C-alpha atoms as a PDB file:
ATOM      1  CA  MET A   1     -69.278  32.986 -49.730  1.00  0.00           C
ATOM      2  CA  ALA A   2     -68.473  35.296 -46.746  1.00  0.00           C
ATOM      3  CA  PRO A   3     -69.408  34.044 -43.486  1.00  0.00           C
ATOM      4  CA  ILE A   4     -72.278  35.608 -41.570  1.00  0.00           C
ATOM      5  CA  THR A   5     -71.758  38.919 -39.934  1.00  0.00           C
ATOM      6  CA  PRO A   6     -70.410  38.670 -36.308  1.00  0.00           C
ATOM      7  CA  GLY A   7     -72.984  40.144 -34.059  1.00  0.00           C
ATOM      8  CA  SER A   8     -75.543  39.148 -36.966  1.00  0.00           C
ATOM      9  CA  LEU A   9     -79.296  37.804 -36.388  1.00  0.00           C
ATOM     10  CA  VAL A  10     -79.606  33.697 -36.250  1.00  0.00           C
ATOM     11  CA  VAL A  11     -82.759  32.048 -36.361  1.00  0.00           C
ATOM     12  CA  VAL A  12     -83.140  28.951 -34.705  1.00  0.00           C
ATOM     13  CA  THR A  13     -86.419  26.475 -35.346  1.00  0.00           C
ATOM     14  CA  GLY A  14     -87.552  24.851 -32.396  1.00  0.00           C
ATOM     15  CA  ILE A  15     -85.258  26.520 -29.784  1.00  0.00           C
ATOM     16  CA  THR A  16     -87.031  24.855 -26.857  1.00  0.00           C
ATOM     17  CA  GLY A  17     -86.000  21.393 -27.885  1.00  0.00           C
ATOM     18  CA  TYR A  18     -82.839  19.408 -26.816  1.00  0.00           C
ATOM     19  CA  ILE A  19     -80.631  20.344 -30.053  1.00  0.00           C
ATOM     20  CA  GLY A  20     -82.399  23.735 -30.518  1.00  0.00           C
ATOM     21  CA  SER A  21     -81.795  24.764 -26.870  1.00  0.00           C
ATOM     22  CA  HIS A  22     -77.913  24.001 -27.083  1.00  0.00           C
ATOM     23  CA  VAL A  23     -77.590  25.589 -30.728  1.00  0.00           C
ATOM     24  CA  GLY A  24     -79.405  28.778 -29.448  1.00  0.00           C
ATOM     25  CA  LEU A  25     -76.883  28.576 -26.255  1.00  0.00           C
ATOM     26  CA  ALA A  26     -73.643  28.315 -28.802  1.00  0.00           C
ATOM     27  CA  ALA A  27     -74.817  31.007 -30.770  1.00  0.00           C
ATOM     28  CA  LEU A  28     -75.329  33.527 -27.983  1.00  0.00           C
ATOM     29  CA  GLN A  29     -72.022  32.419 -26.334  1.00  0.00           C
ATOM     30  CA  ALA A  30     -70.391  33.137 -30.130  1.00  0.00           C
ATOM     31  CA  GLY A  31     -71.957  36.683 -29.943  1.00  0.00           C
ATOM     32  CA  TYR A  32     -74.719  36.380 -32.447  1.00  0.00           C
ATOM     33  CA  ARG A  33     -78.374  37.693 -31.636  1.00  0.00           C
ATOM     34  CA  VAL A  34     -80.699  34.935 -31.631  1.00  0.00           C
ATOM     35  CA  ARG A  35     -84.145  34.403 -32.520  1.00  0.00           C
ATOM     36  CA  GLY A  36     -85.935  31.320 -31.922  1.00  0.00           C
ATOM     37  CA  THR A  37     -89.258  29.908 -33.074  1.00  0.00           C
ATOM     38  CA  VAL A  38     -91.535  27.836 -30.613  1.00  0.00           C
ATOM     39  CA  ARG A  39     -95.035  26.941 -30.748  1.00  0.00           C
ATOM     40  CA  ASP A  40     -95.866  28.715 -27.050  1.00  0.00           C
ATOM     41  CA  THR A  41     -93.955  31.204 -25.170  1.00  0.00           C
ATOM     42  CA  LYS A  42     -94.136  29.663 -21.508  1.00  0.00           C
ATOM     43  CA  LYS A  43     -91.166  27.342 -22.437  1.00  0.00           C
ATOM     44  CA  ALA A  44     -89.019  30.104 -23.971  1.00  0.00           C
ATOM     45  CA  GLU A  45     -89.244  31.918 -21.014  1.00  0.00           C
ATOM     46  CA  GLU A  46     -87.835  29.327 -18.984  1.00  0.00           C
ATOM     47  CA  LEU A  47     -85.018  28.815 -21.973  1.00  0.00           C
ATOM     48  CA  GLY A  48     -84.330  32.540 -21.570  1.00  0.00           C
ATOM     49  CA  ALA A  49     -83.655  32.057 -18.024  1.00  0.00           C
ATOM     50  CA  LYS A  50     -81.651  29.198 -17.785  1.00  0.00           C
ATOM     51  CA  TYR A  51     -79.163  30.932 -20.520  1.00  0.00           C
ATOM     52  CA  ASN A  52     -78.909  33.935 -18.394  1.00  0.00           C
ATOM     53  CA  GLU A  53     -77.835  31.175 -15.332  1.00  0.00           C
ATOM     54  CA  LEU A  54     -75.407  29.818 -17.319  1.00  0.00           C
ATOM     55  CA  GLY A  55     -73.636  33.277 -18.175  1.00  0.00           C
ATOM     56  CA  VAL A  56     -74.433  34.230 -21.369  1.00  0.00           C
ATOM     57  CA  ASP A  57     -76.620  37.707 -22.260  1.00  0.00           C
ATOM     58  CA  ALA A  58     -80.176  36.670 -23.063  1.00  0.00           C
ATOM     59  CA  GLY A  59     -81.739  39.788 -22.982  1.00  0.00           C
ATOM     60  CA  GLU A  60     -84.325  41.635 -25.071  1.00  0.00           C
ATOM     61  CA  ASP A  61     -81.563  42.704 -27.356  1.00  0.00           C
ATOM     62  CA  LYS A  62     -80.176  39.376 -27.850  1.00  0.00           C
ATOM     63  CA  PHE A  63     -82.607  36.945 -27.630  1.00  0.00           C
ATOM     64  CA  GLU A  64     -86.152  36.611 -28.654  1.00  0.00           C
ATOM     65  CA  VAL A  65     -88.781  34.112 -29.747  1.00  0.00           C
ATOM     66  CA  VAL A  66     -91.556  33.864 -32.327  1.00  0.00           C
ATOM     67  CA  ILE A  67     -94.624  31.841 -32.556  1.00  0.00           C
ATOM     68  CA  VAL A  68     -94.321  29.384 -35.649  1.00  0.00           C
ATOM     69  CA  ASP A  69     -97.350  26.815 -34.616  1.00  0.00           C
ATOM     70  CA  ASP A  70     -97.320  25.105 -38.055  1.00  0.00           C
ATOM     71  CA  LEU A  71     -93.993  23.769 -39.544  1.00  0.00           C
ATOM     72  CA  THR A  72     -95.677  23.736 -42.772  1.00  0.00           C
ATOM     73  CA  ASP A  73     -96.627  27.285 -42.776  1.00  0.00           C
ATOM     74  CA  GLN A  74     -93.949  29.256 -45.431  1.00  0.00           C
ATOM     75  CA  ALA A  75     -95.506  32.533 -44.418  1.00  0.00           C
ATOM     76  CA  GLN A  76     -94.765  31.882 -40.745  1.00  0.00           C
ATOM     77  CA  PHE A  77     -91.359  31.328 -41.497  1.00  0.00           C
ATOM     78  CA  GLU A  78     -90.765  34.355 -43.876  1.00  0.00           C
ATOM     79  CA  LYS A  79     -91.950  36.569 -40.728  1.00  0.00           C
ATOM     80  CA  ALA A  80     -89.481  34.613 -38.631  1.00  0.00           C
ATOM     81  CA  PHE A  81     -86.520  35.097 -41.051  1.00  0.00           C
ATOM     82  CA  VAL A  82     -86.754  38.868 -41.551  1.00  0.00           C
ATOM     83  CA  GLY A  83     -83.457  40.586 -41.074  1.00  0.00           C
ATOM     84  CA  ALA A  84     -81.654  37.058 -40.099  1.00  0.00           C
ATOM     85  CA  GLU A  85     -77.839  36.012 -41.905  1.00  0.00           C
ATOM     86  CA  GLY A  86     -77.903  32.438 -40.525  1.00  0.00           C
ATOM     87  CA  ILE A  87     -80.648  29.859 -40.022  1.00  0.00           C
ATOM     88  CA  VAL A  88     -80.547  26.579 -38.101  1.00  0.00           C
ATOM     89  CA  HIS A  89     -83.520  24.440 -39.074  1.00  0.00           C
ATOM     90  CA  VAL A  90     -83.827  21.729 -35.985  1.00  0.00           C
ATOM     91  CA  ALA A  91     -87.974  21.519 -35.605  1.00  0.00           C
ATOM     92  CA  LEU A  92     -89.818  18.557 -37.038  1.00  0.00           C
ATOM     93  CA  PRO A  93     -93.085  18.319 -37.209  1.00  0.00           C
ATOM     94  CA  GLY A  94     -94.903  15.308 -34.927  1.00  0.00           C
ATOM     95  CA  HIS A  95     -95.673  11.755 -35.996  1.00  0.00           C
ATOM     96  CA  THR A  96     -98.346  11.213 -38.051  1.00  0.00           C
ATOM     97  CA  ALA A  97     -99.195   8.811 -40.831  1.00  0.00           C
ATOM     98  CA  THR A  98     -98.603  11.889 -43.170  1.00  0.00           C
ATOM     99  CA  TRP A  99     -95.088  12.674 -41.519  1.00  0.00           C
ATOM    100  CA  ILE A 100     -92.963  12.073 -44.427  1.00  0.00           C
ATOM    101  CA  ASP A 101     -95.091  14.886 -46.630  1.00  0.00           C
ATOM    102  CA  GLN A 102     -95.268  17.312 -43.351  1.00  0.00           C
ATOM    103  CA  ALA A 103     -91.462  16.935 -43.094  1.00  0.00           C
ATOM    104  CA  THR A 104     -90.566  17.251 -46.568  1.00  0.00           C
ATOM    105  CA  THR A 105     -92.958  20.394 -47.014  1.00  0.00           C
ATOM    106  CA  SER A 106     -91.364  22.123 -43.625  1.00  0.00           C
ATOM    107  CA  ILE A 107     -87.806  21.631 -45.110  1.00  0.00           C
ATOM    108  CA  LEU A 108     -89.093  23.361 -48.141  1.00  0.00           C
ATOM    109  CA  SER A 109     -90.791  25.692 -46.559  1.00  0.00           C
ATOM    110  CA  VAL A 110     -88.037  27.139 -44.496  1.00  0.00           C
ATOM    111  CA  PHE A 111     -85.855  27.038 -47.725  1.00  0.00           C
ATOM    112  CA  ARG A 112     -88.166  29.005 -49.890  1.00  0.00           C
ATOM    113  CA  ALA A 113     -88.630  31.508 -47.139  1.00  0.00           C
ATOM    114  CA  ALA A 114     -85.012  31.666 -46.753  1.00  0.00           C
ATOM    115  CA  ALA A 115     -84.608  32.475 -50.570  1.00  0.00           C
ATOM    116  CA  LYS A 116     -87.153  35.211 -50.324  1.00  0.00           C
ATOM    117  CA  GLU A 117     -85.244  37.049 -47.426  1.00  0.00           C
ATOM    118  CA  SER A 118     -82.149  38.839 -49.029  1.00  0.00           C
ATOM    119  CA  SER A 119     -80.161  38.910 -45.682  1.00  0.00           C
ATOM    120  CA  VAL A 120     -79.898  35.369 -45.315  1.00  0.00           C
ATOM    121  CA  LYS A 121     -76.559  33.834 -46.112  1.00  0.00           C
ATOM    122  CA  ARG A 122     -76.182  30.270 -44.798  1.00  0.00           C
ATOM    123  CA  VAL A 123     -78.891  27.733 -43.938  1.00  0.00           C
ATOM    124  CA  VAL A 124     -78.169  24.661 -41.768  1.00  0.00           C
ATOM    125  CA  LEU A 125     -80.285  21.975 -41.878  1.00  0.00           C
ATOM    126  CA  THR A 126     -79.864  19.242 -38.734  1.00  0.00           C
ATOM    127  CA  SER A 127     -79.710  15.737 -40.412  1.00  0.00           C
ATOM    128  CA  SER A 128     -79.139  12.355 -38.800  1.00  0.00           C
ATOM    129  CA  SER A 129     -77.053   9.191 -39.025  1.00  0.00           C
ATOM    130  CA  VAL A 130     -80.325   7.317 -40.142  1.00  0.00           C
ATOM    131  CA  THR A 131     -80.569   9.290 -43.428  1.00  0.00           C
ATOM    132  CA  CYS A 132     -77.385   7.535 -44.899  1.00  0.00           C
ATOM    133  CA  ILE A 133     -76.888   4.435 -42.724  1.00  0.00           C
ATOM    134  CA  THR A 134     -78.957   1.259 -42.702  1.00  0.00           C
ATOM    135  CA  PRO A 135     -78.120  -0.475 -39.161  1.00  0.00           C
ATOM    136  CA  GLY A 136     -76.012  -3.643 -39.525  1.00  0.00           C
ATOM    137  CA  GLN A 137     -75.740  -3.272 -43.194  1.00  0.00           C
ATOM    138  CA  ASN A 138     -72.956  -0.726 -43.763  1.00  0.00           C
ATOM    139  CA  GLY A 139     -69.973  -3.140 -42.826  1.00  0.00           C
ATOM    140  CA  ASP A 140     -66.553  -1.446 -43.445  1.00  0.00           C
ATOM    141  CA  HIS A 141     -68.429   0.900 -46.136  1.00  0.00           C
ATOM    142  CA  THR A 142     -66.982   4.592 -45.809  1.00  0.00           C
ATOM    143  CA  LEU A 143     -69.917   6.648 -45.967  1.00  0.00           C
ATOM    144  CA  ASN A 144     -70.204   9.704 -48.562  1.00  0.00           C
ATOM    145  CA  ASP A 145     -72.729  12.300 -49.795  1.00  0.00           C
ATOM    146  CA  GLU A 146     -74.295   9.543 -52.133  1.00  0.00           C
ATOM    147  CA  ASP A 147     -75.362   7.306 -49.570  1.00  0.00           C
ATOM    148  CA  TRP A 148     -78.992   7.188 -48.305  1.00  0.00           C
ATOM    149  CA  ASN A 149     -80.915   4.697 -45.984  1.00  0.00           C
ATOM    150  CA  ASP A 150     -83.035   3.358 -48.841  1.00  0.00           C
ATOM    151  CA  ASP A 151     -84.258   0.572 -46.742  1.00  0.00           C
ATOM    152  CA  ALA A 152     -85.912   2.889 -44.709  1.00  0.00           C
ATOM    153  CA  VAL A 153     -87.665   4.544 -47.882  1.00  0.00           C
ATOM    154  CA  ASP A 154     -88.738   0.885 -49.076  1.00  0.00           C
ATOM    155  CA  ALA A 155     -90.049   0.085 -45.550  1.00  0.00           C
ATOM    156  CA  PHE A 156     -92.596   3.277 -45.647  1.00  0.00           C
ATOM    157  CA  LYS A 157     -93.393   2.415 -48.991  1.00  0.00           C
ATOM    158  CA  ARG A 158     -94.820  -0.847 -47.848  1.00  0.00           C
ATOM    159  CA  MET A 159     -96.632   0.322 -45.002  1.00  0.00           C
ATOM    160  CA  SER A 160    -100.130   0.774 -44.903  1.00  0.00           C
ATOM    161  CA  GLU A 161    -101.959   4.214 -43.708  1.00  0.00           C
ATOM    162  CA  GLU A 162    -102.918   2.799 -40.710  1.00  0.00           C
ATOM    163  CA  GLU A 163     -99.148   1.319 -40.058  1.00  0.00           C
ATOM    164  CA  ARG A 164     -97.807   4.661 -40.826  1.00  0.00           C
ATOM    165  CA  GLY A 165     -99.775   6.259 -37.985  1.00  0.00           C
ATOM    166  CA  ASN A 166     -99.371   3.611 -35.536  1.00  0.00           C
ATOM    167  CA  PRO A 167     -96.996   4.381 -32.676  1.00  0.00           C
ATOM    168  CA  LYS A 168     -94.796   1.626 -32.652  1.00  0.00           C
ATOM    169  CA  ASN A 169     -93.784   2.235 -36.144  1.00  0.00           C
ATOM    170  CA  ARG A 170     -92.394   5.577 -34.803  1.00  0.00           C
ATOM    171  CA  THR A 171     -88.859   4.955 -35.451  1.00  0.00           C
ATOM    172  CA  ALA A 172     -89.094   3.343 -38.704  1.00  0.00           C
ATOM    173  CA  MET A 173     -91.371   6.435 -39.982  1.00  0.00           C
ATOM    174  CA  TYR A 174     -88.607   8.810 -38.422  1.00  0.00           C
ATOM    175  CA  CYS A 175     -85.822   7.299 -40.373  1.00  0.00           C
ATOM    176  CA  ALA A 176     -87.897   7.688 -43.728  1.00  0.00           C
ATOM    177  CA  ALA A 177     -89.032  11.051 -42.682  1.00  0.00           C
ATOM    178  CA  LYS A 178     -85.706  12.194 -42.185  1.00  0.00           C
ATOM    179  CA  THR A 179     -84.328  10.527 -45.370  1.00  0.00           C
ATOM    180  CA  ILE A 180     -87.070  11.508 -47.840  1.00  0.00           C
ATOM    181  CA  ALA A 181     -87.003  14.905 -46.845  1.00  0.00           C
ATOM    182  CA  GLU A 182     -83.141  15.875 -46.818  1.00  0.00           C
ATOM    183  CA  GLN A 183     -83.456  14.063 -50.422  1.00  0.00           C
ATOM    184  CA  GLU A 184     -85.696  16.452 -51.373  1.00  0.00           C
ATOM    185  CA  ALA A 185     -83.808  19.504 -49.727  1.00  0.00           C
ATOM    186  CA  TRP A 186     -80.702  18.543 -51.714  1.00  0.00           C
ATOM    187  CA  LYS A 187     -82.851  18.360 -55.020  1.00  0.00           C
ATOM    188  CA  TRP A 188     -84.373  21.740 -54.062  1.00  0.00           C
ATOM    189  CA  MET A 189     -80.786  23.561 -53.735  1.00  0.00           C
ATOM    190  CA  ALA A 190     -79.511  21.996 -56.529  1.00  0.00           C
ATOM    191  CA  ASP A 191     -81.896  24.142 -58.793  1.00  0.00           C
ATOM    192  CA  ASN A 192     -81.846  27.359 -56.599  1.00  0.00           C
ATOM    193  CA  LYS A 193     -78.460  28.680 -55.761  1.00  0.00           C
ATOM    194  CA  GLY A 194     -78.258  31.547 -53.482  1.00  0.00           C
ATOM    195  CA  TRP A 195     -76.794  30.872 -49.883  1.00  0.00           C
ATOM    196  CA  GLN A 196     -74.750  27.950 -48.619  1.00  0.00           C
ATOM    197  CA  ARG A 197     -76.448  25.051 -46.745  1.00  0.00           C
ATOM    198  CA  SER A 198     -74.477  22.277 -44.766  1.00  0.00           C
ATOM    199  CA  SER A 199     -76.339  19.371 -43.169  1.00  0.00           C
ATOM    200  CA  PRO A 200     -74.499  17.974 -39.948  1.00  0.00           C
ATOM    201  CA  VAL A 201     -74.785  14.062 -39.608  1.00  0.00           C
ATOM    202  CA  HIS A 202     -75.468  13.428 -35.944  1.00  0.00           C
ATOM    203  CA  PRO A 203     -74.947   9.771 -35.094  1.00  0.00           C
ATOM    204  CA  VAL A 204     -75.383  10.208 -31.339  1.00  0.00           C
ATOM    205  CA  LEU A 205     -76.309  13.055 -29.202  1.00  0.00           C
ATOM    206  CA  ASP A 206     -76.045  12.764 -25.290  1.00  0.00           C
ATOM    207  CA  GLY A 207     -75.510  15.488 -22.666  1.00  0.00           C
ATOM    208  CA  PRO A 208     -77.606  17.898 -20.344  1.00  0.00           C
ATOM    209  CA  GLY A 209     -80.869  19.184 -21.274  1.00  0.00           C
ATOM    210  CA  PHE A 210     -82.088  22.691 -20.165  1.00  0.00           C
ATOM    211  CA  LEU A 211     -85.766  22.140 -19.903  1.00  0.00           C
ATOM    212  CA  ALA A 212     -87.570  19.250 -18.430  1.00  0.00           C
ATOM    213  CA  ILE A 213     -88.960  16.411 -20.624  1.00  0.00           C
ATOM    214  CA  VAL A 214     -92.610  15.621 -19.640  1.00  0.00           C
ATOM    215  CA  GLY A 215     -92.742  12.693 -22.182  1.00  0.00           C
ATOM    216  CA  PRO A 216     -93.091  11.990 -26.007  1.00  0.00           C
ATOM    217  CA  GLY A 217     -94.291  14.528 -28.291  1.00  0.00           C
ATOM    218  CA  PRO A 218     -94.104  16.942 -31.158  1.00  0.00           C
ATOM    219  CA  VAL A 219     -90.764  18.624 -31.357  1.00  0.00           C
ATOM    220  CA  PRO A 220     -90.922  22.118 -30.011  1.00  0.00           C
END
């Protein structure tokens, strides 16, 4: 499939988050127009100003934001994706006892909304090494696209409802949520052809952030 058109519109979900803000900057630097999804516009205004400080054009004709305050709402994504050729799905619902269901619904809502927009050519889903690595157990094994973090999924299945909502189990739930949601995404893609999808697997992310972090909370 041909690459997306230079200067075309790229949508970045959760653009005021750590990863999303860097994705948005890279897209602007590459000459694309960027539309970011946010839960409120205050941080978006700060981000636009920061982009301008960094020497990229984040004017109204280059950078815009839309409100998506429910990451499981397909209708909101459909509005956000109008006219886009590329989509980068970074946002993840916040931790709750039903995190796995919400994360899966969010990804599938993005895919279904993208499938309804004829302009979309490519969708990128930010993955994580926790979807395929079981810490301390992979040894010298070379990972491939058939490897999954089954231990995280099994641990989730053994948890009670109370344990799933306990903040102490947030990391374990995150590993399970990312793994199960991406498995469902691959299944959906196998049954629904049309545009290209890729999932970069990040082991460690480090570097400067563009917006102040005030504490743990839902992904923007």
